[in-house]
C-alpha atoms as a PDB file:
ATOM      1  CA  MET A   1      18.599-245.158  31.103  1.00  0.00           C
ATOM      2  CA  SER A   2      15.950-243.743  33.445  1.00  0.00           C
ATOM      3  CA  VAL A   3      15.650-245.235  36.894  1.00  0.00           C
ATOM      4  CA  PRO A   4      12.047-246.146  37.930  1.00  0.00           C
ATOM      5  CA  ARG A   5      10.803-244.132  40.866  1.00  0.00           C
ATOM      6  CA  ARG A   6      10.019-246.124  43.934  1.00  0.00           C
ATOM      7  CA  TRP A   7       6.333-246.277  44.940  1.00  0.00           C
ATOM      8  CA  TYR A   8       6.769-243.875  47.837  1.00  0.00           C
ATOM      9  CA  ARG A   9       8.207-241.266  45.481  1.00  0.00           C
ATOM     10  CA  ARG A  10       5.353-241.453  43.020  1.00  0.00           C
ATOM     11  CA  PRO A  11       2.730-238.679  43.344  1.00  0.00           C
ATOM     12  CA  PHE A  12      -0.472-240.707  43.433  1.00  0.00           C
ATOM     13  CA  PRO A  13       0.495-243.103  46.290  1.00  0.00           C
ATOM     14  CA  LEU A  14       1.809-240.121  48.232  1.00  0.00           C
ATOM     15  CA  MET A  15      -1.422-238.235  47.673  1.00  0.00           C
ATOM     16  CA  GLY A  16      -3.399-241.272  48.763  1.00  0.00           C
ATOM     17  CA  ILE A  17      -1.395-241.721  51.961  1.00  0.00           C
ATOM     18  CA  SER A  18      -1.578-238.010  52.694  1.00  0.00           C
ATOM     19  CA  GLY A  19      -5.319-238.035  52.173  1.00  0.00           C
ATOM     20  CA  LEU A  20      -5.714-241.076  54.400  1.00  0.00           C
ATOM     21  CA  LEU A  21      -3.684-239.478  57.178  1.00  0.00           C
ATOM     22  CA  THR A  22      -5.686-236.277  56.873  1.00  0.00           C
ATOM     23  CA  LEU A  23      -8.960-238.197  57.008  1.00  0.00           C
ATOM     24  CA  THR A  24      -7.793-240.242  59.994  1.00  0.00           C
ATOM     25  CA  GLY A  25      -6.636-237.113  61.788  1.00  0.00           C
ATOM     26  CA  GLY A  26      -9.927-235.385  61.050  1.00  0.00           C
ATOM     27  CA  LEU A  27     -11.946-238.331  62.316  1.00  0.00           C
ATOM     28  CA  GLY A  28      -9.768-238.454  65.419  1.00  0.00           C
ATOM     29  CA  TRP A  29     -10.325-234.752  66.082  1.00  0.00           C
ATOM     30  CA  ILE A  30     -14.088-235.043  65.608  1.00  0.00           C
ATOM     31  CA  THR A  31     -14.210-238.094  67.886  1.00  0.00           C
ATOM     32  CA  ASP A  32     -12.103-236.450  70.599  1.00  0.00           C
ATOM     33  CA  HIS A  33     -14.125-233.249  70.353  1.00  0.00           C
ATOM     34  CA  SER A  34     -17.377-235.207  70.583  1.00  0.00           C
ATOM     35  CA  VAL A  35     -16.201-237.203  73.610  1.00  0.00           C
ATOM     36  CA  ASN A  36     -15.272-233.930  75.333  1.00  0.00           C
ATOM     37  CA  ARG A  37     -18.671-232.411  74.619  1.00  0.00           C
ATOM     38  CA  MET A  38     -20.447-235.532  75.841  1.00  0.00           C
ATOM     39  CA  VAL A  39     -18.669-236.367  79.116  1.00  0.00           C
ATOM     40  CA  VAL A  40     -16.477-233.398  80.148  1.00  0.00           C
ATOM     41  CA  PRO A  41     -18.668-230.814  81.895  1.00  0.00           C
ATOM     42  CA  ARG A  42     -18.006-227.110  81.597  1.00  0.00           C
ATOM     43  CA  GLN A  43     -16.734-225.710  84.888  1.00  0.00           C
ATOM     44  CA  TYR A  44     -18.947-222.811  85.920  1.00  0.00           C
ATOM     45  CA  GLY A  45     -18.317-220.740  89.021  1.00  0.00           C
ATOM     46  CA  ALA A  46     -21.107-219.632  91.329  1.00  0.00           C
ATOM     47  CA  GLU A  47     -23.018-216.760  89.720  1.00  0.00           C
ATOM     48  CA  PRO A  48     -23.771-213.530  91.642  1.00  0.00           C
ATOM     49  CA  TRP A  49     -27.369-214.522  92.379  1.00  0.00           C
ATOM     50  CA  MET A  50     -26.145-217.823  93.809  1.00  0.00           C
ATOM     51  CA  GLN A  51     -23.570-216.055  95.958  1.00  0.00           C
ATOM     52  CA  GLU A  52     -26.282-213.735  97.276  1.00  0.00           C
ATOM     53  CA  ILE A  53     -28.395-216.686  98.453  1.00  0.00           C
ATOM     54  CA  LEU A  54     -25.328-218.313 100.017  1.00  0.00           C
ATOM     55  CA  ARG A  55     -24.584-215.057 101.887  1.00  0.00           C
ATOM     56  CA  GLN A  56     -28.154-214.510 103.072  1.00  0.00           C
ATOM     57  CA  PRO A  57     -30.023-217.828 102.847  1.00  0.00           C
ATOM     58  CA  GLU A  58     -32.598-216.670 105.405  1.00  0.00           C
ATOM     59  CA  LYS A  59     -34.085-214.304 102.804  1.00  0.00           C
ATOM     60  CA  ALA A  60     -34.927-217.368 100.690  1.00  0.00           C
ATOM     61  CA  GLY A  61     -36.394-219.141 103.717  1.00  0.00           C
ATOM     62  CA  LEU A  62     -33.374-221.450 104.013  1.00  0.00           C
ATOM     63  CA  ARG A  63     -30.856-222.562 106.605  1.00  0.00           C
ATOM     64  CA  LEU A  64     -27.786-223.959 104.853  1.00  0.00           C
ATOM     65  CA  LYS A  65     -25.109-226.398 106.020  1.00  0.00           C
ATOM     66  CA  ALA A  66     -22.160-227.476 103.867  1.00  0.00           C
ATOM     67  CA  PHE A  67     -20.673-230.958 103.949  1.00  0.00           C
ATOM     68  CA  ALA A  68     -18.526-233.215 101.774  1.00  0.00           C
ATOM     69  CA  VAL A  69     -18.267-236.926 100.974  1.00  0.00           C
ATOM     70  CA  ILE A  70     -15.608-239.123  99.399  1.00  0.00           C
ATOM     71  CA  THR A  71     -16.493-241.343  96.428  1.00  0.00           C
ATOM     72  CA  SER A  72     -15.407-244.939  95.941  1.00  0.00           C
ATOM     73  CA  ASP A  73     -12.622-243.757  93.600  1.00  0.00           C
ATOM     74  CA  GLY A  74     -11.357-241.073  95.967  1.00  0.00           C
ATOM     75  CA  LEU A  75     -13.043-237.915  94.670  1.00  0.00           C
ATOM     76  CA  THR A  76     -14.426-235.271  97.026  1.00  0.00           C
ATOM     77  CA  LEU A  77     -18.016-234.192  96.378  1.00  0.00           C
ATOM     78  CA  GLN A  78     -19.195-230.880  97.832  1.00  0.00           C
ATOM     79  CA  ALA A  79     -22.771-230.754  99.126  1.00  0.00           C
ATOM     80  CA  LEU A  80     -25.312-228.515 100.837  1.00  0.00           C
ATOM     81  CA  MET A  81     -28.185-229.301 103.171  1.00  0.00           C
ATOM     82  CA  ALA A  82     -31.045-226.795 103.163  1.00  0.00           C
ATOM     83  CA  GLU A  83     -33.607-226.765 105.972  1.00  0.00           C
ATOM     84  CA  PRO A  84     -36.706-224.558 106.186  1.00  0.00           C
ATOM     85  CA  GLY A  85     -35.962-221.239 107.860  1.00  0.00           C
ATOM     86  CA  PRO A  86     -38.399-218.831 109.560  1.00  0.00           C
ATOM     87  CA  ALA A  87     -39.317-217.232 106.213  1.00  0.00           C
ATOM     88  CA  ALA A  88     -40.001-220.535 104.432  1.00  0.00           C
ATOM     89  CA  GLY A  89     -43.299-220.382 102.590  1.00  0.00           C
ATOM     90  CA  THR A  90     -43.494-216.596 102.641  1.00  0.00           C
ATOM     91  CA  THR A  91     -41.052-215.798  99.802  1.00  0.00           C
ATOM     92  CA  VAL A  92     -42.027-215.018  96.212  1.00  0.00           C
ATOM     93  CA  LYS A  93     -41.085-218.539  95.131  1.00  0.00           C
ATOM     94  CA  GLY A  94     -42.507-220.196  98.223  1.00  0.00           C
ATOM     95  CA  LEU A  95     -46.002-218.685  98.276  1.00  0.00           C
ATOM     96  CA  PRO A  96     -47.300-220.476  95.131  1.00  0.00           C
ATOM     97  CA  VAL A  97     -46.153-223.793  96.608  1.00  0.00           C
ATOM     98  CA  THR A  98     -48.007-223.262  99.876  1.00  0.00           C
ATOM     99  CA  ALA A  99     -51.065-222.231  97.847  1.00  0.00           C
ATOM    100  CA  ALA A 100     -50.889-225.459  95.836  1.00  0.00           C
ATOM    101  CA  LEU A 101     -50.672-227.544  99.005  1.00  0.00           C
ATOM    102  CA  THR A 102     -53.607-225.685 100.534  1.00  0.00           C
ATOM    103  CA  LYS A 103     -55.658-226.267  97.385  1.00  0.00           C
ATOM    104  CA  ALA A 104     -54.840-229.979  97.641  1.00  0.00           C
ATOM    105  CA  GLY A 105     -56.021-230.008 101.264  1.00  0.00           C
ATOM    106  CA  MET A 106     -52.523-230.240 102.761  1.00  0.00           C
ATOM    107  CA  LYS A 107     -50.576-228.126 105.198  1.00  0.00           C
ATOM    108  CA  SER A 108     -47.243-226.627 104.139  1.00  0.00           C
ATOM    109  CA  GLY A 109     -44.675-226.322 106.933  1.00  0.00           C
ATOM    110  CA  LEU A 110     -45.042-229.058 109.566  1.00  0.00           C
ATOM    111  CA  PRO A 111     -43.392-229.377 112.994  1.00  0.00           C
ATOM    112  CA  GLY A 112     -40.296-231.519 112.463  1.00  0.00           C
ATOM    113  CA  GLY A 113     -40.607-231.216 108.680  1.00  0.00           C
ATOM    114  CA  ARG A 114     -41.997-233.574 106.052  1.00  0.00           C
ATOM    115  CA  GLY A 115     -38.790-235.367 105.164  1.00  0.00           C
ATOM    116  CA  THR A 116     -35.961-234.880 102.679  1.00  0.00           C
ATOM    117  CA  VAL A 117     -35.770-234.396  98.911  1.00  0.00           C
ATOM    118  CA  VAL A 118     -32.367-234.848  97.246  1.00  0.00           C
ATOM    119  CA  LEU A 119     -32.013-232.482  94.278  1.00  0.00           C
ATOM    120  CA  LEU A 120     -29.863-233.658  91.351  1.00  0.00           C
ATOM    121  CA  HIS A 121     -28.719-231.089  88.793  1.00  0.00           C
ATOM    122  CA  GLY A 122     -28.212-231.540  85.068  1.00  0.00           C
ATOM    123  CA  PHE A 123     -25.074-231.710  82.921  1.00  0.00           C
ATOM    124  CA  ASN A 124     -22.936-228.526  82.944  1.00  0.00           C
ATOM    125  CA  ALA A 125     -24.641-227.244  86.117  1.00  0.00           C
ATOM    126  CA  ARG A 126     -23.726-227.054  89.813  1.00  0.00           C
ATOM    127  CA  LYS A 127     -25.468-227.527  93.152  1.00  0.00           C
ATOM    128  CA  GLU A 128     -26.249-223.810  93.526  1.00  0.00           C
ATOM    129  CA  HIS A 129     -28.482-224.018  90.461  1.00  0.00           C
ATOM    130  CA  MET A 130     -30.776-226.042  92.716  1.00  0.00           C
ATOM    131  CA  LEU A 131     -31.136-223.363  95.400  1.00  0.00           C
ATOM    132  CA  PRO A 132     -34.385-221.986  93.890  1.00  0.00           C
ATOM    133  CA  PHE A 133     -35.661-225.569  93.852  1.00  0.00           C
ATOM    134  CA  ALA A 134     -34.771-225.886  97.539  1.00  0.00           C
ATOM    135  CA  GLU A 135     -36.557-222.609  98.291  1.00  0.00           C
ATOM    136  CA  ARG A 136     -39.772-224.071  96.900  1.00  0.00           C
ATOM    137  CA  PHE A 137     -39.499-227.505  98.509  1.00  0.00           C
ATOM    138  CA  CYS A 138     -38.494-226.008 101.859  1.00  0.00           C
ATOM    139  CA  ALA A 139     -41.643-223.863 101.593  1.00  0.00           C
ATOM    140  CA  ALA A 140     -43.554-227.143 101.501  1.00  0.00           C
ATOM    141  CA  GLY A 141     -41.792-228.282 104.669  1.00  0.00           C
ATOM    142  CA  PHE A 142     -39.079-230.514 103.196  1.00  0.00           C
ATOM    143  CA  ARG A 143     -35.392-230.545 103.958  1.00  0.00           C
ATOM    144  CA  CYS A 144     -33.323-230.527 100.755  1.00  0.00           C
ATOM    145  CA  VAL A 145     -29.898-231.919  99.885  1.00  0.00           C
ATOM    146  CA  MET A 146     -27.959-230.858  96.780  1.00  0.00           C
ATOM    147  CA  PHE A 147     -24.423-231.636  95.646  1.00  0.00           C
ATOM    148  CA  ASP A 148     -21.994-230.981  92.819  1.00  0.00           C
ATOM    149  CA  SER A 149     -21.944-234.132  90.739  1.00  0.00           C
ATOM    150  CA  ARG A 150     -18.502-235.493  89.854  1.00  0.00           C
ATOM    151  CA  GLY A 151     -16.724-233.231  87.388  1.00  0.00           C
ATOM    152  CA  HIS A 152     -19.086-230.357  88.179  1.00  0.00           C
ATOM    153  CA  GLY A 153     -18.904-227.262  90.346  1.00  0.00           C
ATOM    154  CA  ASP A 154     -16.552-227.616  93.306  1.00  0.00           C
ATOM    155  CA  SER A 155     -16.442-231.420  93.268  1.00  0.00           C
ATOM    156  CA  GLY A 156     -13.499-233.447  92.031  1.00  0.00           C
ATOM    157  CA  GLY A 157     -13.235-235.425  88.844  1.00  0.00           C
ATOM    158  CA  THR A 158     -13.112-234.746  85.133  1.00  0.00           C
ATOM    159  CA  TYR A 159     -15.831-236.870  83.567  1.00  0.00           C
ATOM    160  CA  ALA A 160     -19.576-237.269  84.001  1.00  0.00           C
ATOM    161  CA  THR A 161     -20.704-240.888  83.641  1.00  0.00           C
ATOM    162  CA  PHE A 162     -24.491-240.226  83.662  1.00  0.00           C
ATOM    163  CA  GLY A 163     -25.198-242.808  86.344  1.00  0.00           C
ATOM    164  CA  SER A 164     -22.442-245.377  85.927  1.00  0.00           C
ATOM    165  CA  ARG A 165     -20.614-243.968  88.969  1.00  0.00           C
ATOM    166  CA  GLU A 166     -23.075-241.303  90.091  1.00  0.00           C
ATOM    167  CA  THR A 167     -25.519-243.842  91.511  1.00  0.00           C
ATOM    168  CA  ASP A 168     -22.985-244.878  94.155  1.00  0.00           C
ATOM    169  CA  ASP A 169     -22.031-241.205  94.621  1.00  0.00           C
ATOM    170  CA  LEU A 170     -25.674-240.480  95.440  1.00  0.00           C
ATOM    171  CA  ARG A 171     -25.762-243.259  98.010  1.00  0.00           C
ATOM    172  CA  ARG A 172     -22.719-241.778  99.730  1.00  0.00           C
ATOM    173  CA  VAL A 173     -24.241-238.279  99.739  1.00  0.00           C
ATOM    174  CA  ILE A 174     -27.394-239.660 101.377  1.00  0.00           C
ATOM    175  CA  GLU A 175     -25.278-241.321 104.053  1.00  0.00           C
ATOM    176  CA  GLY A 176     -23.365-238.082 104.622  1.00  0.00           C
ATOM    177  CA  ALA A 177     -26.620-236.146 104.926  1.00  0.00           C
ATOM    178  CA  ARG A 178     -27.986-238.708 107.371  1.00  0.00           C
ATOM    179  CA  GLN A 179     -24.945-238.240 109.604  1.00  0.00           C
ATOM    180  CA  LEU A 180     -25.333-234.453 109.409  1.00  0.00           C
ATOM    181  CA  ALA A 181     -29.024-234.691 110.318  1.00  0.00           C
ATOM    182  CA  GLY A 182     -28.117-236.616 113.481  1.00  0.00           C
ATOM    183  CA  LYS A 183     -30.754-238.246 115.681  1.00  0.00           C
ATOM    184  CA  ALA A 184     -33.604-236.519 113.888  1.00  0.00           C
ATOM    185  CA  GLY A 185     -32.760-238.470 110.738  1.00  0.00           C
ATOM    186  CA  LEU A 186     -33.790-237.527 107.227  1.00  0.00           C
ATOM    187  CA  GLY A 187     -37.376-238.649 107.493  1.00  0.00           C
ATOM    188  CA  PRO A 188     -39.064-240.042 104.377  1.00  0.00           C
ATOM    189  CA  LEU A 189     -36.727-239.653 101.399  1.00  0.00           C
ATOM    190  CA  GLY A 190     -37.381-238.580  97.811  1.00  0.00           C
ATOM    191  CA  LEU A 191     -35.283-237.780  94.731  1.00  0.00           C
ATOM    192  CA  MET A 192     -35.879-234.973  92.232  1.00  0.00           C
ATOM    193  CA  GLY A 193     -33.652-234.825  89.154  1.00  0.00           C
ATOM    194  CA  TYR A 194     -33.430-232.619  86.089  1.00  0.00           C
ATOM    195  CA  SER A 195     -32.087-234.057  82.813  1.00  0.00           C
ATOM    196  CA  MET A 196     -28.908-235.998  83.735  1.00  0.00           C
ATOM    197  CA  GLY A 197     -29.913-235.775  87.393  1.00  0.00           C
ATOM    198  CA  GLY A 198     -33.188-237.508  86.629  1.00  0.00           C
ATOM    199  CA  ALA A 199     -31.330-240.282  84.833  1.00  0.00           C
ATOM    200  CA  VAL A 200     -29.155-240.782  87.918  1.00  0.00           C
ATOM    201  CA  ALA A 201     -32.214-240.847  90.182  1.00  0.00           C
ATOM    202  CA  LEU A 202     -33.969-243.484  88.068  1.00  0.00           C
ATOM    203  CA  GLN A 203     -30.909-245.724  87.887  1.00  0.00           C
ATOM    204  CA  ALA A 204     -30.152-245.383  91.604  1.00  0.00           C
ATOM    205  CA  GLN A 205     -33.590-245.917  93.158  1.00  0.00           C
ATOM    206  CA  PRO A 206     -33.937-249.693  92.635  1.00  0.00           C
ATOM    207  CA  GLU A 207     -30.833-250.111  94.834  1.00  0.00           C
ATOM    208  CA  LEU A 208     -32.000-247.531  97.393  1.00  0.00           C
ATOM    209  CA  PRO A 209     -35.179-248.926  98.988  1.00  0.00           C
ATOM    210  CA  GLU A 210     -35.229-246.023 101.471  1.00  0.00           C
ATOM    211  CA  VAL A 211     -36.151-243.712  98.566  1.00  0.00           C
ATOM    212  CA  LYS A 212     -39.956-243.630  98.516  1.00  0.00           C
ATOM    213  CA  ALA A 213     -40.672-241.197  95.643  1.00  0.00           C
ATOM    214  CA  VAL A 214     -38.883-239.977  92.491  1.00  0.00           C
ATOM    215  CA  ALA A 215     -39.609-236.987  90.241  1.00  0.00           C
ATOM    216  CA  THR A 216     -37.771-236.343  86.973  1.00  0.00           C
ATOM    217  CA  VAL A 217     -37.954-233.416  84.551  1.00  0.00           C
ATOM    218  CA  SER A 218     -36.586-233.477  80.972  1.00  0.00           C
ATOM    219  CA  THR A 219     -34.856-236.822  81.441  1.00  0.00           C
ATOM    220  CA  PHE A 220     -33.829-239.248  78.710  1.00  0.00           C
ATOM    221  CA  ALA A 221     -34.857-242.897  78.537  1.00  0.00           C
ATOM    222  CA  ASP A 222     -31.841-244.121  76.566  1.00  0.00           C
ATOM    223  CA  PHE A 223     -28.503-242.299  76.316  1.00  0.00           C
ATOM    224  CA  ARG A 224     -27.571-243.989  73.060  1.00  0.00           C
ATOM    225  CA  GLY A 225     -30.742-242.717  71.430  1.00  0.00           C
ATOM    226  CA  VAL A 226     -29.989-239.121  72.434  1.00  0.00           C
ATOM    227  CA  ILE A 227     -26.378-239.285  71.217  1.00  0.00           C
ATOM    228  CA  THR A 228     -27.347-240.990  67.953  1.00  0.00           C
ATOM    229  CA  ARG A 229     -29.841-238.222  67.223  1.00  0.00           C
ATOM    230  CA  GLN A 230     -27.354-235.480  68.061  1.00  0.00           C
ATOM    231  CA  ALA A 231     -24.639-237.093  65.930  1.00  0.00           C
ATOM    232  CA  GLY A 232     -26.972-237.250  62.963  1.00  0.00           C
ATOM    233  CA  GLU A 233     -27.990-233.618  63.358  1.00  0.00           C
ATOM    234  CA  ARG A 234     -24.507-232.233  64.046  1.00  0.00           C
ATOM    235  CA  TYR A 235     -22.446-234.185  61.498  1.00  0.00           C
ATOM    236  CA  SER A 236     -25.129-235.239  59.004  1.00  0.00           C
ATOM    237  CA  ARG A 237     -24.394-238.605  57.359  1.00  0.00           C
ATOM    238  CA  LEU A 238     -20.839-238.638  58.716  1.00  0.00           C
ATOM    239  CA  GLY A 239     -22.055-238.682  62.316  1.00  0.00           C
ATOM    240  CA  LEU A 240     -23.628-242.136  62.467  1.00  0.00           C
ATOM    241  CA  PRO A 241     -20.547-244.094  61.281  1.00  0.00           C
ATOM    242  CA  LEU A 242     -18.555-242.272  63.990  1.00  0.00           C
ATOM    243  CA  LEU A 243     -20.701-243.632  66.817  1.00  0.00           C
ATOM    244  CA  PRO A 244     -18.562-246.765  67.404  1.00  0.00           C
ATOM    245  CA  LEU A 245     -15.491-244.499  67.679  1.00  0.00           C
ATOM    246  CA  LEU A 246     -17.367-242.240  70.091  1.00  0.00           C
ATOM    247  CA  ARG A 247     -18.380-245.201  72.220  1.00  0.00           C
ATOM    248  CA  THR A 248     -14.840-246.612  72.282  1.00  0.00           C
ATOM    249  CA  GLY A 249     -13.336-243.188  73.001  1.00  0.00           C
ATOM    250  CA  THR A 250     -15.689-242.697  75.942  1.00  0.00           C
ATOM    251  CA  GLN A 251     -14.885-246.135  77.346  1.00  0.00           C
ATOM    252  CA  TRP A 252     -11.161-245.469  77.056  1.00  0.00           C
ATOM    253  CA  ARG A 253     -11.179-241.947  78.483  1.00  0.00           C
ATOM    254  CA  ALA A 254     -14.060-241.882  80.975  1.00  0.00           C
ATOM    255  CA  GLY A 255     -14.115-245.559  81.923  1.00  0.00           C
ATOM    256  CA  PHE A 256     -17.741-246.405  81.187  1.00  0.00           C
ATOM    257  CA  ASP A 257     -19.854-247.637  78.303  1.00  0.00           C
ATOM    258  CA  PRO A 258     -22.254-244.826  77.323  1.00  0.00           C
ATOM    259  CA  TRP A 259     -24.594-247.334  75.655  1.00  0.00           C
ATOM    260  CA  SER A 260     -25.131-248.977  79.068  1.00  0.00           C
ATOM    261  CA  ILE A 261     -26.920-245.869  80.414  1.00  0.00           C
ATOM    262  CA  ARG A 262     -30.598-246.834  80.100  1.00  0.00           C
ATOM    263  CA  PRO A 263     -32.830-245.027  82.612  1.00  0.00           C
ATOM    264  CA  GLY A 264     -35.836-246.448  80.771  1.00  0.00           C
ATOM    265  CA  GLU A 265     -34.863-249.960  81.791  1.00  0.00           C
ATOM    266  CA  ALA A 266     -34.283-248.789  85.370  1.00  0.00           C
ATOM    267  CA  ALA A 267     -37.756-247.210  85.386  1.00  0.00           C
ATOM    268  CA  GLY A 268     -39.169-250.691  84.965  1.00  0.00           C
ATOM    269  CA  ARG A 269     -37.472-251.750  88.218  1.00  0.00           C
ATOM    270  CA  LEU A 270     -38.604-248.825  90.384  1.00  0.00           C
ATOM    271  CA  THR A 271     -40.017-249.700  93.774  1.00  0.00           C
ATOM    272  CA  CYS A 272     -41.681-246.336  94.396  1.00  0.00           C
ATOM    273  CA  PRO A 273     -44.092-243.831  92.789  1.00  0.00           C
ATOM    274  CA  LEU A 274     -42.837-241.658  89.925  1.00  0.00           C
ATOM    275  CA  PHE A 275     -43.627-238.125  88.739  1.00  0.00           C
ATOM    276  CA  LEU A 276     -42.633-237.230  85.166  1.00  0.00           C
ATOM    277  CA  ALA A 277     -42.493-233.885  83.351  1.00  0.00           C
ATOM    278  CA  HIS A 278     -41.084-232.862  79.966  1.00  0.00           C
ATOM    279  CA  GLY A 279     -41.288-229.945  77.553  1.00  0.00           C
ATOM    280  CA  SER A 280     -43.214-230.558  74.344  1.00  0.00           C
ATOM    281  CA  ASP A 281     -40.596-228.601  72.336  1.00  0.00           C
ATOM    282  CA  ASP A 282     -37.468-230.080  73.868  1.00  0.00           C
ATOM    283  CA  GLY A 283     -34.895-230.082  71.045  1.00  0.00           C
ATOM    284  CA  LEU A 284     -32.185-231.865  73.039  1.00  0.00           C
ATOM    285  CA  ILE A 285     -34.173-234.758  74.518  1.00  0.00           C
ATOM    286  CA  PRO A 286     -37.371-235.266  72.488  1.00  0.00           C
ATOM    287  CA  VAL A 287     -40.637-235.561  74.377  1.00  0.00           C
ATOM    288  CA  SER A 288     -40.906-239.172  73.173  1.00  0.00           C
ATOM    289  CA  HIS A 289     -38.414-240.083  75.924  1.00  0.00           C
ATOM    290  CA  VAL A 290     -40.842-239.202  78.708  1.00  0.00           C
ATOM    291  CA  HIS A 291     -43.449-241.480  77.145  1.00  0.00           C
ATOM    292  CA  GLN A 292     -40.870-244.277  77.011  1.00  0.00           C
ATOM    293  CA  LEU A 293     -40.163-243.759  80.714  1.00  0.00           C
ATOM    294  CA  ALA A 294     -43.872-243.768  81.505  1.00  0.00           C
ATOM    295  CA  ALA A 295     -44.439-246.979  79.556  1.00  0.00           C
ATOM    296  CA  ALA A 296     -41.557-248.677  81.383  1.00  0.00           C
ATOM    297  CA  ALA A 297     -42.657-247.546  84.849  1.00  0.00           C
ATOM    298  CA  GLY A 298     -46.288-248.481  84.271  1.00  0.00           C
ATOM    299  CA  SER A 299     -48.480-248.214  87.343  1.00  0.00           C
ATOM    300  CA  ARG A 300     -45.689-246.509  89.297  1.00  0.00           C
ATOM    301  CA  VAL A 301     -46.395-243.291  87.390  1.00  0.00           C
ATOM    302  CA  ARG A 302     -48.569-240.993  89.487  1.00  0.00           C
ATOM    303  CA  GLN A 303     -48.514-238.041  87.095  1.00  0.00           C
ATOM    304  CA  LEU A 304     -47.084-237.190  83.672  1.00  0.00           C
ATOM    305  CA  MET A 305     -46.942-233.513  82.690  1.00  0.00           C
ATOM    306  CA  VAL A 306     -46.076-232.471  79.148  1.00  0.00           C
ATOM    307  CA  ILE A 307     -45.387-228.730  79.286  1.00  0.00           C
ATOM    308  CA  PRO A 308     -46.750-227.048  76.116  1.00  0.00           C
ATOM    309  CA  GLY A 309     -44.003-225.023  74.444  1.00  0.00           C
ATOM    310  CA  GLY A 310     -41.427-226.134  77.003  1.00  0.00           C
ATOM    311  CA  THR A 311     -37.843-226.465  75.771  1.00  0.00           C
ATOM    312  CA  HIS A 312     -34.997-228.274  77.506  1.00  0.00           C
ATOM    313  CA  GLY A 313     -33.509-225.168  79.055  1.00  0.00           C
ATOM    314  CA  ARG A 314     -36.754-223.339  79.847  1.00  0.00           C
ATOM    315  CA  VAL A 315     -39.071-226.110  80.965  1.00  0.00           C
ATOM    316  CA  PHE A 316     -39.278-224.786  84.534  1.00  0.00           C
ATOM    317  CA  ILE A 317     -39.932-221.235  83.372  1.00  0.00           C
ATOM    318  CA  THR A 318     -42.629-222.398  80.957  1.00  0.00           C
ATOM    319  CA  GLY A 319     -44.120-224.870  83.438  1.00  0.00           C
ATOM    320  CA  GLY A 320     -44.167-222.194  86.122  1.00  0.00           C
ATOM    321  CA  ASP A 321     -46.194-222.477  89.309  1.00  0.00           C
ATOM    322  CA  ALA A 322     -48.278-225.348  87.908  1.00  0.00           C
ATOM    323  CA  LEU A 323     -45.182-227.559  87.600  1.00  0.00           C
ATOM    324  CA  TRP A 324     -43.755-226.595  90.984  1.00  0.00           C
ATOM    325  CA  GLY A 325     -47.106-227.029  92.685  1.00  0.00           C
ATOM    326  CA  ALA A 326     -47.668-230.441  91.137  1.00  0.00           C
ATOM    327  CA  MET A 327     -44.248-231.704  92.220  1.00  0.00           C
ATOM    328  CA  SER A 328     -44.677-230.376  95.747  1.00  0.00           C
ATOM    329  CA  VAL A 329     -48.086-232.024  96.100  1.00  0.00           C
ATOM    330  CA  PHE A 330     -46.643-235.274  94.690  1.00  0.00           C
ATOM    331  CA  PHE A 331     -43.895-235.432  97.309  1.00  0.00           C
ATOM    332  CA  ALA A 332     -46.241-234.367 100.114  1.00  0.00           C
ATOM    333  CA  ARG A 333     -48.594-237.234  99.229  1.00  0.00           C
ATOM    334  CA  GLU A 334     -45.957-239.900  98.631  1.00  0.00           C
ATOM    335  CA  LEU A 335     -43.680-239.065 101.583  1.00  0.00           C
ATOM    336  CA  PRO A 336     -46.104-239.044 104.497  1.00  0.00           C
ATOM    337  CA  VAL A 337     -44.794-237.809 107.818  1.00  0.00           C
ATOM    338  CA  GLY A 338     -43.914-240.626 110.195  1.00  0.00           C
ATOM    339  CA  ARG A 339     -41.886-242.809 107.855  1.00  0.00           C
ATOM    340  CA  PRO A 340     -38.359-243.427 109.120  1.00  0.00           C
ATOM    341  CA  GLY A 341     -35.418-241.888 107.274  1.00  0.00           C
END
């Protein structure tokens, strides 16, 4: 008499279980990989051109001071303060800015400076990427502050939270810069952010009344919308059902809800003027996001520039002197000398 095989020895149940485990493992790998790509920045060292500016900042019209602050969860953030040096406004990058101010009927460098612009970098970048930005704004007479966001550059941390924690980090950097500036103070204060940095600026400003002007370039209005689009493009029809797993994985690993990151909603609560710019051909964050931000901010928007042919990574190159000049004039108008810092 033959003995019936138990269910776990039969081929079809075993194949089914094996297939299920393989599918589960595959979904887990895709989810983990996607969480890493979304919230774990790549760690880039300072490139040679950055190191050259750090060695000889005077050639870029800058005077640099390093400082550090501690976040609420104990991380150390590394920062730089850039002040206009003797050559400010005379460098290759600075001359077009001074020309734009002159055309607008404004002076460039002013005794005592115009005030301070905090520069916020994008995802996968570091503070030194903002040195050419500082060269241009210092040419206009502003002091600049830049820092490695958590998980980036020389700062501590593993995860970027796109504003969930970075808004308080920004507040602490401003306080650290104010102490470094001493009795002179920071003067009128503005924020300029690219991509993720712009999202942080928009979310932070309603709680920072001392910030009197904000400029963002290539910034998203809704993080969920960007991730949903990328998931659909990267994983086709499989990507969208994975979004709940991606959200849960991010909450578990990085400690924040990615769907709560809504700079568009924050734009509706701004208490200061706003400058917006975006590339028309941005494949990462579609140009529709800048129009969503503009609609939310309403009358706070002073200027909206859509850069023809501009992509996410080359928007500043494509925008060129027109973009830099427009931003410099915006801050010069909205941060008049004489406001306390």
